[in-house]
Amino acid sequence: MTVFVVNFLCVPLVVWVLTRPFTGDADRALLVGLLFVLLAPCVDYVIVFTGLAGGAADRLLAATPLLMLAQMVLLPVWLRLFAGAGVVESVEMGPFISAFIWLIVGPLLAAGITQWAQRSDWRFLSGLFADLMVPLMMVVLAVVVASQIDGVSGRWREPVTVVPVYVVFSLVMPLIGGAAARFARLEVASHRAVVFTAVTRNSLVVLPLVLALPAAYDLSPLVVVTQTLVELLVMVTMVRLVPKLVR
């Protein structure tokens, strides 16, 4: 429950405040990119980083399907409120459904196979999957960033204006997530998990959606990729700091 309160009640309020400087017509593509990426909680590599910091990665993994379904329902609502109905009408749901199948249904099937392997002669597969989790995550991130890095480098002046938003978001949300975890009296591992899910955003899933927007929003994908680059630095820092701060 704490994870849902933080991601679907606290985060939209923070995002609304942080995006007010980008409400002009000239900044519309920047605003849409910000809204897409900041309003969607992460459902993939947050689990890896949470585990590296000693957080309850298993509990986040269990909540992943519900987080994905909730953002599929609520993201159009937030977009309509913050950016207008025109943006919602421009969104194609095909990429979102495809992402749901590959990032939620696929991993759930893989998890079922892994659990079966632990109870059979194929037990070694469980350890193999665990060892491959971090390398595979880094490969996916590298491919996604590489696919858009030319655009970021060629038009860096526009996306760089949203970097302060991402930095402030990364400073504010750990405080809010930590406060929510303390209010809920969560134990240490769950407390750390709430802090991580409060910060990490769903850039890998929303990027296909943003890429499918009309040409008027050609800057929006660069805004999403810029968030990924900033967040990776934040995650590396949090993996070191959160275990020291949340004991």
Protein backbone atom coordinates (compact mmCIF):
# COMPACT_ATOMS: atom_id res chain seq x y z
CA MET A 1 0.00 0.00 0.00
CA THR A 2 2.83 2.41 0.85
CA VAL A 3 4.36 1.91 -2.60
CA PHE A 4 1.07 2.84 -4.29
CA VAL A 5 0.49 5.90 -2.09
CA VAL A 6 3.98 7.21 -2.85
CA ASN A 7 3.84 6.52 -6.60
CA PHE A 8 0.26 7.44 -7.40
CA LEU A 9 -0.51 10.17 -4.86
CA CYS A 10 2.74 11.84 -3.78
CA VAL A 11 4.60 11.65 -7.11
CA PRO A 12 1.86 13.35 -9.20
CA LEU A 13 1.77 16.26 -6.75
CA VAL A 14 5.55 16.67 -6.92
CA VAL A 15 5.55 16.36 -10.72
CA TRP A 16 2.80 18.95 -11.06
CA VAL A 17 4.88 21.46 -9.08
CA LEU A 18 8.16 20.70 -10.87
CA THR A 19 6.69 20.95 -14.38
CA ARG A 20 4.94 24.32 -13.98
CA PRO A 21 7.85 26.21 -15.68
CA PHE A 22 7.22 24.14 -18.87
CA THR A 23 3.56 24.95 -19.48
CA GLY A 24 4.17 27.35 -22.40
CA ASP A 25 3.44 26.35 -25.99
CA ALA A 26 7.14 26.42 -26.87
CA ASP A 27 7.92 23.89 -24.13
CA ARG A 28 5.06 21.49 -24.85
CA ALA A 29 7.25 18.65 -26.12
CA LEU A 30 9.47 19.00 -23.07
CA LEU A 31 6.44 18.96 -20.78
CA VAL A 32 5.01 15.83 -22.38
CA GLY A 33 8.34 14.00 -22.07
CA LEU A 34 8.61 15.01 -18.42
CA LEU A 35 5.08 13.86 -17.64
CA PHE A 36 5.44 10.52 -19.38
CA VAL A 37 8.64 9.56 -17.63
CA LEU A 38 8.09 11.02 -14.16
CA LEU A 39 4.51 9.83 -13.65
CA ALA A 40 5.30 6.17 -14.42
CA PRO A 41 6.98 4.18 -11.61
CA CYS A 42 9.71 1.77 -12.66
CA VAL A 43 8.87 -1.92 -12.99
CA ASP A 44 12.20 -3.33 -14.15
CA TYR A 45 15.68 -2.29 -13.03
CA VAL A 46 14.40 -0.83 -9.75
CA ILE A 47 14.26 -4.43 -8.54
CA VAL A 48 17.96 -4.96 -9.29
CA PHE A 49 19.09 -1.72 -7.64
CA THR A 50 16.86 -2.37 -4.63
CA GLY A 51 18.41 -5.79 -4.21
CA LEU A 52 21.93 -4.36 -4.47
CA ALA A 53 21.09 -1.96 -1.63
CA GLY A 54 19.68 -4.72 0.59
CA GLY A 55 16.06 -3.73 0.00
CA ALA A 56 13.02 -5.98 -0.30
CA ALA A 57 13.42 -6.67 -4.00
CA ASP A 58 11.12 -9.70 -3.74
CA ARG A 59 8.26 -7.56 -2.45
CA LEU A 60 8.76 -5.02 -5.24
CA LEU A 61 8.80 -7.85 -7.76
CA ALA A 62 5.47 -9.10 -6.38
CA ALA A 63 4.00 -5.59 -6.73
CA THR A 64 5.28 -5.12 -10.30
CA PRO A 65 2.19 -6.35 -12.21
CA LEU A 66 -0.09 -4.14 -10.13
CA LEU A 67 2.22 -1.13 -10.58
CA MET A 68 2.19 -1.64 -14.34
CA LEU A 69 -1.58 -2.02 -14.53
CA ALA A 70 -2.14 1.01 -12.30
CA GLN A 71 0.05 3.27 -14.42
CA MET A 72 -1.64 2.05 -17.61
CA VAL A 73 -4.93 3.23 -16.14
CA LEU A 74 -3.76 6.41 -14.41
CA LEU A 75 -1.18 7.78 -16.87
CA PRO A 76 -3.84 8.95 -19.38
CA VAL A 77 -5.69 10.62 -16.50
CA TRP A 78 -2.60 12.53 -15.36
CA LEU A 79 -1.70 13.47 -18.93
CA ARG A 80 -5.18 14.85 -19.51
CA LEU A 81 -5.05 16.90 -16.30
CA PHE A 82 -1.50 18.23 -16.72
CA ALA A 83 -1.13 18.55 -20.50
CA GLY A 84 -4.63 18.43 -22.02
CA ALA A 85 -6.78 15.92 -23.87
CA GLY A 86 -4.87 16.36 -27.14
CA VAL A 87 -1.84 14.51 -25.81
CA VAL A 88 -3.93 11.56 -24.64
CA GLU A 89 -5.58 11.28 -28.04
CA SER A 90 -2.13 11.18 -29.68
CA VAL A 91 -0.97 8.19 -27.63
CA GLU A 92 -1.00 4.77 -29.26
CA MET A 93 -1.58 2.00 -26.73
CA GLY A 94 0.06 -0.68 -28.89
CA PRO A 95 3.61 -0.03 -27.58
CA PHE A 96 2.32 0.01 -24.00
CA ILE A 97 0.59 -3.36 -24.44
CA SER A 98 3.70 -4.76 -26.10
CA ALA A 99 5.82 -3.52 -23.18
CA PHE A 100 3.37 -5.10 -20.74
CA ILE A 101 3.70 -8.47 -22.46
CA TRP A 102 7.49 -8.41 -22.69
CA LEU A 103 8.26 -6.76 -19.35
CA ILE A 104 5.53 -8.23 -17.15
CA VAL A 105 4.03 -11.39 -18.65
CA GLY A 106 7.38 -12.64 -19.93
CA PRO A 107 9.26 -12.18 -16.62
CA LEU A 108 6.35 -13.74 -14.70
CA LEU A 109 6.59 -16.83 -16.90
CA ALA A 110 10.36 -16.85 -16.40
CA ALA A 111 9.84 -16.59 -12.64
CA GLY A 112 7.47 -19.56 -12.74
CA ILE A 113 10.04 -21.58 -14.69
CA THR A 114 12.73 -20.61 -12.17
CA GLN A 115 10.59 -21.72 -9.23
CA TRP A 116 9.89 -24.99 -10.99
CA ALA A 117 13.62 -25.42 -11.64
CA GLN A 118 14.37 -25.00 -7.92
CA ARG A 119 12.17 -28.01 -7.17
CA SER A 120 13.59 -30.19 -9.94
CA ASP A 121 16.85 -31.48 -11.35
CA TRP A 122 17.25 -28.16 -13.16
CA ARG A 123 18.00 -26.29 -9.92
CA PHE A 124 21.17 -24.81 -11.40
CA LEU A 125 19.01 -22.59 -13.65
CA SER A 126 17.90 -20.56 -10.62
CA GLY A 127 21.47 -19.55 -9.81
CA LEU A 128 22.23 -18.91 -13.49
CA PHE A 129 19.26 -16.53 -13.84
CA ALA A 130 20.28 -14.70 -10.66
CA ASP A 131 23.85 -14.26 -11.93
CA LEU A 132 22.64 -12.97 -15.30
CA MET A 133 20.19 -10.39 -13.89
CA VAL A 134 22.63 -7.48 -13.53
CA PRO A 135 24.58 -8.07 -16.80
CA LEU A 136 21.37 -8.38 -18.81
CA MET A 137 19.99 -5.23 -17.22
CA MET A 138 23.12 -3.29 -18.17
CA VAL A 139 22.93 -4.60 -21.76
CA VAL A 140 19.30 -3.47 -22.08
CA LEU A 141 20.10 -0.01 -20.70
CA ALA A 142 23.11 0.35 -22.98
CA VAL A 143 21.07 -0.57 -26.07
CA VAL A 144 18.25 1.84 -25.18
CA VAL A 145 20.58 4.74 -24.47
CA ALA A 146 22.71 4.02 -27.55
CA SER A 147 19.61 4.08 -29.77
CA GLN A 148 18.89 7.67 -28.78
CA ILE A 149 22.29 9.10 -27.89
CA ASP A 150 22.78 10.69 -31.33
CA GLY A 151 19.60 12.67 -30.85
CA VAL A 152 20.62 13.80 -27.39
CA SER A 153 24.09 14.87 -28.52
CA GLY A 154 22.73 16.65 -31.59
CA ARG A 155 20.07 18.63 -29.72
CA TRP A 156 21.48 18.73 -26.21
CA ARG A 157 20.45 22.34 -25.46
CA GLU A 158 16.74 21.54 -25.20
CA PRO A 159 16.91 18.33 -23.12
CA VAL A 160 19.52 19.80 -20.77
CA THR A 161 16.95 22.32 -19.54
CA VAL A 162 15.00 19.51 -17.86
CA VAL A 163 18.00 18.11 -15.97
CA PRO A 164 17.35 20.35 -12.92
CA VAL A 165 13.84 18.88 -12.74
CA TYR A 166 15.26 15.36 -12.58
CA VAL A 167 17.84 16.36 -9.98
CA VAL A 168 15.26 17.99 -7.72
CA PHE A 169 12.91 15.02 -8.17
CA SER A 170 15.75 12.67 -7.15
CA LEU A 171 16.40 14.76 -4.03
CA VAL A 172 12.78 15.20 -2.96
CA MET A 173 11.34 11.74 -3.56
CA PRO A 174 13.73 9.80 -1.27
CA LEU A 175 12.63 12.10 1.54
CA ILE A 176 8.96 11.56 0.77
CA GLY A 177 9.43 7.82 0.31
CA GLY A 178 11.38 7.58 3.56
CA ALA A 179 8.74 9.57 5.44
CA ALA A 180 5.98 7.32 4.07
CA ALA A 181 7.92 4.19 5.06
CA ARG A 182 8.45 5.51 8.60
CA PHE A 183 4.77 6.44 8.88
CA ALA A 184 3.84 2.90 7.81
CA ARG A 185 6.42 1.50 10.28
CA LEU A 186 8.04 -0.69 7.68
CA GLU A 187 11.06 -2.82 8.50
CA VAL A 188 14.45 -1.87 7.05
CA ALA A 189 14.37 -3.88 3.80
CA SER A 190 10.86 -2.67 2.89
CA HIS A 191 11.81 0.89 3.87
CA ARG A 192 14.71 0.82 1.40
CA ALA A 193 12.44 -0.62 -1.31
CA VAL A 194 9.96 2.25 -0.90
CA VAL A 195 12.78 4.80 -1.20
CA PHE A 196 13.98 3.23 -4.45
CA THR A 197 10.55 2.91 -6.04
CA ALA A 198 9.83 6.53 -5.15
CA VAL A 199 12.79 7.68 -7.26
CA THR A 200 13.07 5.25 -10.18
CA ARG A 201 10.89 5.91 -13.21
CA ASN A 202 9.66 3.71 -16.06
CA SER A 203 11.72 5.16 -18.91
CA LEU A 204 12.24 1.85 -20.72
CA VAL A 205 8.49 1.24 -20.94
CA VAL A 206 7.29 4.76 -21.77
CA LEU A 207 9.97 5.39 -24.42
CA PRO A 208 8.11 3.32 -27.10
CA LEU A 209 4.96 5.30 -26.29
CA VAL A 210 6.74 8.62 -26.64
CA LEU A 211 8.44 7.55 -29.86
CA ALA A 212 4.97 6.86 -31.30
CA LEU A 213 3.79 10.44 -30.68
CA PRO A 214 3.33 12.87 -33.61
CA ALA A 215 6.28 14.84 -35.02
CA ALA A 216 5.36 17.86 -32.91
CA TYR A 217 6.68 15.93 -29.90
CA ASP A 218 10.02 14.96 -31.45
CA LEU A 219 11.89 16.29 -28.42
CA SER A 220 9.93 14.16 -25.96
CA PRO A 221 11.96 10.95 -26.50
CA LEU A 222 15.17 12.89 -25.85
CA VAL A 223 13.68 14.13 -22.58
CA VAL A 224 12.96 10.53 -21.58
CA VAL A 225 16.46 9.33 -22.47
CA THR A 226 17.99 12.26 -20.57
CA GLN A 227 16.07 11.12 -17.49
CA THR A 228 17.56 7.63 -17.87
CA LEU A 229 21.09 9.03 -17.99
CA VAL A 230 20.49 11.15 -14.88
CA GLU A 231 18.75 8.33 -13.04
CA LEU A 232 21.58 5.85 -13.61
CA LEU A 233 23.96 8.21 -11.82
CA VAL A 234 21.40 8.66 -9.05
CA MET A 235 20.92 4.90 -8.68
CA VAL A 236 24.66 4.24 -8.35
CA THR A 237 24.79 6.87 -5.60
CA MET A 238 21.71 5.52 -3.83
CA VAL A 239 23.05 1.97 -3.77
CA ARG A 240 25.92 3.30 -1.65
CA LEU A 241 23.99 5.81 0.48
CA VAL A 242 20.63 4.18 1.24
CA PRO A 243 22.10 1.25 3.26
CA LYS A 244 23.98 3.77 5.38
CA LEU A 245 20.99 6.05 5.91
CA VAL A 246 18.26 3.41 6.35
CA ARG A 247 19.37 0.95 9.02
